[in-house]
Amino acid sequence: MVDYEHYHPSRLRYILLYLLIIIIASFSFFIYKNGYSLYIGLSLIFILLLIIEVKVHSNHLIIKDYELTNQSGILSKKRIVINYSNITDFTIDQSFIQRIFGIGNIHIYAGRDIRETIIKNFSNINKIHESILKKIRISQNIKR
């Protein structure tokens, strides 16, 4: 049985879209008094919220027993699979604001060609870090 952990990026990545939704909502509710303008504003809010949710759920980080998978894309998919035994180094990058909210970026260096993978704006970054580190240690002990 393959045990895995599944992560999505933080919704804070799309804070500007949320602010746009608030602006549209305030225009719709307070400026326009007729019904059609209100329906148009509510439709735009719904469409923007749907776009945010699709973008959040189209990016996955899957931590399996022997490999790490980063998949992104809505219509065209990009999937990067890295075996833990090939990871040479990985770092966590967090700005001050990201540290406050517990999100961050992961840089993974793997293989002979030193391929870099960047996983951006994921929440639970410390939990992800510990999981990857644990899997790397397990793969090194099995290899030796």
Protein backbone atom coordinates (compact mmCIF):
# COMPACT_ATOMS: atom_id res chain seq x y z
CA MET A 1 0.00 0.00 0.00
CA VAL A 2 1.40 3.37 -1.02
CA ASP A 3 1.06 6.02 1.63
CA TYR A 4 1.05 9.60 0.41
CA GLU A 5 0.43 13.18 1.47
CA HIS A 6 -1.38 15.60 -0.82
CA TYR A 7 -0.93 19.40 -0.67
CA HIS A 8 -2.27 22.43 -2.55
CA PRO A 9 -0.90 25.99 -2.61
CA SER A 10 -2.20 28.53 -0.13
CA ARG A 11 -5.14 30.69 -1.13
CA LEU A 12 -3.12 33.69 0.08
CA ARG A 13 -1.27 33.41 -3.23
CA TYR A 14 -4.36 34.89 -4.85
CA ILE A 15 -4.89 37.77 -2.42
CA LEU A 16 -5.05 40.32 -5.25
CA LEU A 17 -7.93 38.45 -6.87
CA TYR A 18 -9.73 38.39 -3.53
CA LEU A 19 -9.27 42.15 -3.25
CA LEU A 20 -10.67 42.55 -6.76
CA ILE A 21 -13.70 40.50 -5.70
CA ILE A 22 -14.24 42.80 -2.71
CA ILE A 23 -14.07 45.88 -4.95
CA ILE A 24 -16.55 44.39 -7.43
CA ALA A 25 -18.87 43.37 -4.61
CA SER A 26 -18.82 46.84 -3.09
CA PHE A 27 -19.60 48.43 -6.48
CA SER A 28 -22.37 45.93 -7.10
CA PHE A 29 -24.08 46.35 -3.75
CA PHE A 30 -23.64 50.05 -3.02
CA ILE A 31 -23.34 51.93 -6.32
CA TYR A 32 -25.70 50.21 -8.71
CA LYS A 33 -29.33 50.19 -7.66
CA ASN A 34 -31.01 48.39 -10.57
CA GLY A 35 -31.24 44.61 -10.63
CA TYR A 36 -29.22 43.91 -13.77
CA SER A 37 -26.08 45.61 -12.48
CA LEU A 38 -26.34 43.65 -9.26
CA TYR A 39 -26.65 40.38 -11.20
CA ILE A 40 -23.68 41.25 -13.38
CA GLY A 41 -21.58 42.05 -10.30
CA LEU A 42 -22.61 38.82 -8.58
CA SER A 43 -21.82 36.87 -11.74
CA LEU A 44 -18.32 38.41 -11.89
CA ILE A 45 -17.77 37.57 -8.22
CA PHE A 46 -18.83 33.97 -8.81
CA ILE A 47 -16.60 33.63 -11.89
CA LEU A 48 -13.56 35.06 -10.07
CA LEU A 49 -14.10 32.76 -7.07
CA LEU A 50 -14.40 29.82 -9.44
CA ILE A 51 -11.14 30.82 -11.18
CA ILE A 52 -9.33 31.00 -7.84
CA GLU A 53 -10.57 27.57 -6.77
CA VAL A 54 -9.63 25.98 -10.11
CA LYS A 55 -6.14 27.52 -9.93
CA VAL A 56 -5.64 26.34 -6.33
CA HIS A 57 -6.77 22.79 -7.09
CA SER A 58 -4.84 22.55 -10.36
CA ASN A 59 -1.51 22.61 -8.52
CA HIS A 60 -0.63 19.53 -6.45
CA LEU A 61 2.29 18.41 -4.37
CA ILE A 62 2.14 14.68 -3.66
CA ILE A 63 4.64 13.16 -1.25
CA LYS A 64 4.72 9.39 -1.78
CA ASP A 65 6.90 6.71 -0.22
CA TYR A 66 9.66 6.83 -2.86
CA GLU A 67 8.99 9.92 -4.94
CA LEU A 68 7.85 13.51 -4.86
CA THR A 69 5.39 14.68 -7.54
CA ASN A 70 4.67 18.30 -8.43
CA GLN A 71 1.79 18.62 -10.87
CA SER A 72 0.44 21.89 -12.23
CA GLY A 73 -1.80 23.11 -15.00
CA ILE A 74 -5.45 23.28 -15.89
CA LEU A 75 -5.75 22.23 -19.53
CA SER A 76 -2.15 21.28 -20.23
CA LYS A 77 -0.49 19.47 -17.36
CA LYS A 78 3.11 19.65 -16.22
CA ARG A 79 4.24 16.86 -13.92
CA ILE A 80 7.65 16.63 -12.30
CA VAL A 81 8.49 13.40 -10.48
CA ILE A 82 11.64 13.23 -8.37
CA ASN A 83 12.91 10.16 -6.55
CA TYR A 84 14.14 10.91 -3.06
CA SER A 85 17.41 9.15 -3.80
CA ASN A 86 18.09 11.74 -6.56
CA ILE A 87 17.54 14.80 -4.36
CA THR A 88 20.89 16.41 -3.68
CA ASP A 89 19.59 19.41 -1.74
CA PHE A 90 16.38 21.24 -0.96
CA THR A 91 15.73 24.54 0.71
CA ILE A 92 12.77 26.46 2.09
CA ASP A 93 12.41 30.12 1.15
CA GLN A 94 10.07 32.33 3.20
CA SER A 95 9.63 36.08 3.32
CA PHE A 96 8.57 37.77 6.55
CA ILE A 97 4.90 37.86 5.46
CA GLN A 98 5.05 34.23 4.34
CA ARG A 99 6.44 33.23 7.75
CA ILE A 100 3.55 34.97 9.49
CA PHE A 101 1.01 32.98 7.46
CA GLY A 102 2.99 29.71 7.47
CA ILE A 103 3.49 29.52 3.71
CA GLY A 104 6.65 29.36 1.65
CA ASN A 105 8.54 28.12 -1.39
CA ILE A 106 10.54 24.90 -1.73
CA HIS A 107 13.58 24.66 -4.00
CA ILE A 108 14.57 21.09 -4.85
CA TYR A 109 17.84 20.23 -6.57
CA ALA A 110 17.97 16.73 -7.98
CA GLY A 111 19.99 14.52 -10.26
CA ARG A 112 23.27 14.81 -12.07
CA ASP A 113 22.14 17.75 -14.17
CA ILE A 114 21.19 19.69 -11.00
CA ARG A 115 17.61 20.24 -12.09
CA GLU A 116 15.83 22.76 -9.91
CA THR A 117 12.16 22.50 -9.05
CA ILE A 118 10.41 25.36 -7.32
CA ILE A 119 7.19 24.71 -5.46
CA LYS A 120 5.62 28.09 -4.69
CA ASN A 121 3.31 29.36 -1.95
CA PHE A 122 2.35 26.14 -0.22
CA SER A 123 0.82 26.22 3.23
CA ASN A 124 2.00 23.86 5.99
CA ILE A 125 5.53 24.43 4.70
CA ASN A 126 7.18 23.13 7.88
CA LYS A 127 5.15 19.91 7.71
CA ILE A 128 6.12 19.48 4.04
CA HIS A 129 9.78 20.11 4.93
CA GLU A 130 9.72 17.47 7.67
CA SER A 131 7.96 14.93 5.44
CA ILE A 132 10.45 15.35 2.60
CA LEU A 133 13.40 15.21 4.98
CA LYS A 134 12.03 12.03 6.57
CA LYS A 135 11.53 10.38 3.16
CA ILE A 136 15.06 11.36 2.06
CA ARG A 137 16.53 9.83 5.21
CA ILE A 138 14.52 6.64 4.71
CA SER A 139 15.65 6.36 1.07
CA GLN A 140 19.30 6.86 2.08
CA ASN A 141 19.07 4.16 4.74
CA ILE A 142 17.53 1.70 2.26
CA LYS A 143 20.20 2.53 -0.33
CA ARG A 144 23.11 1.89 2.05
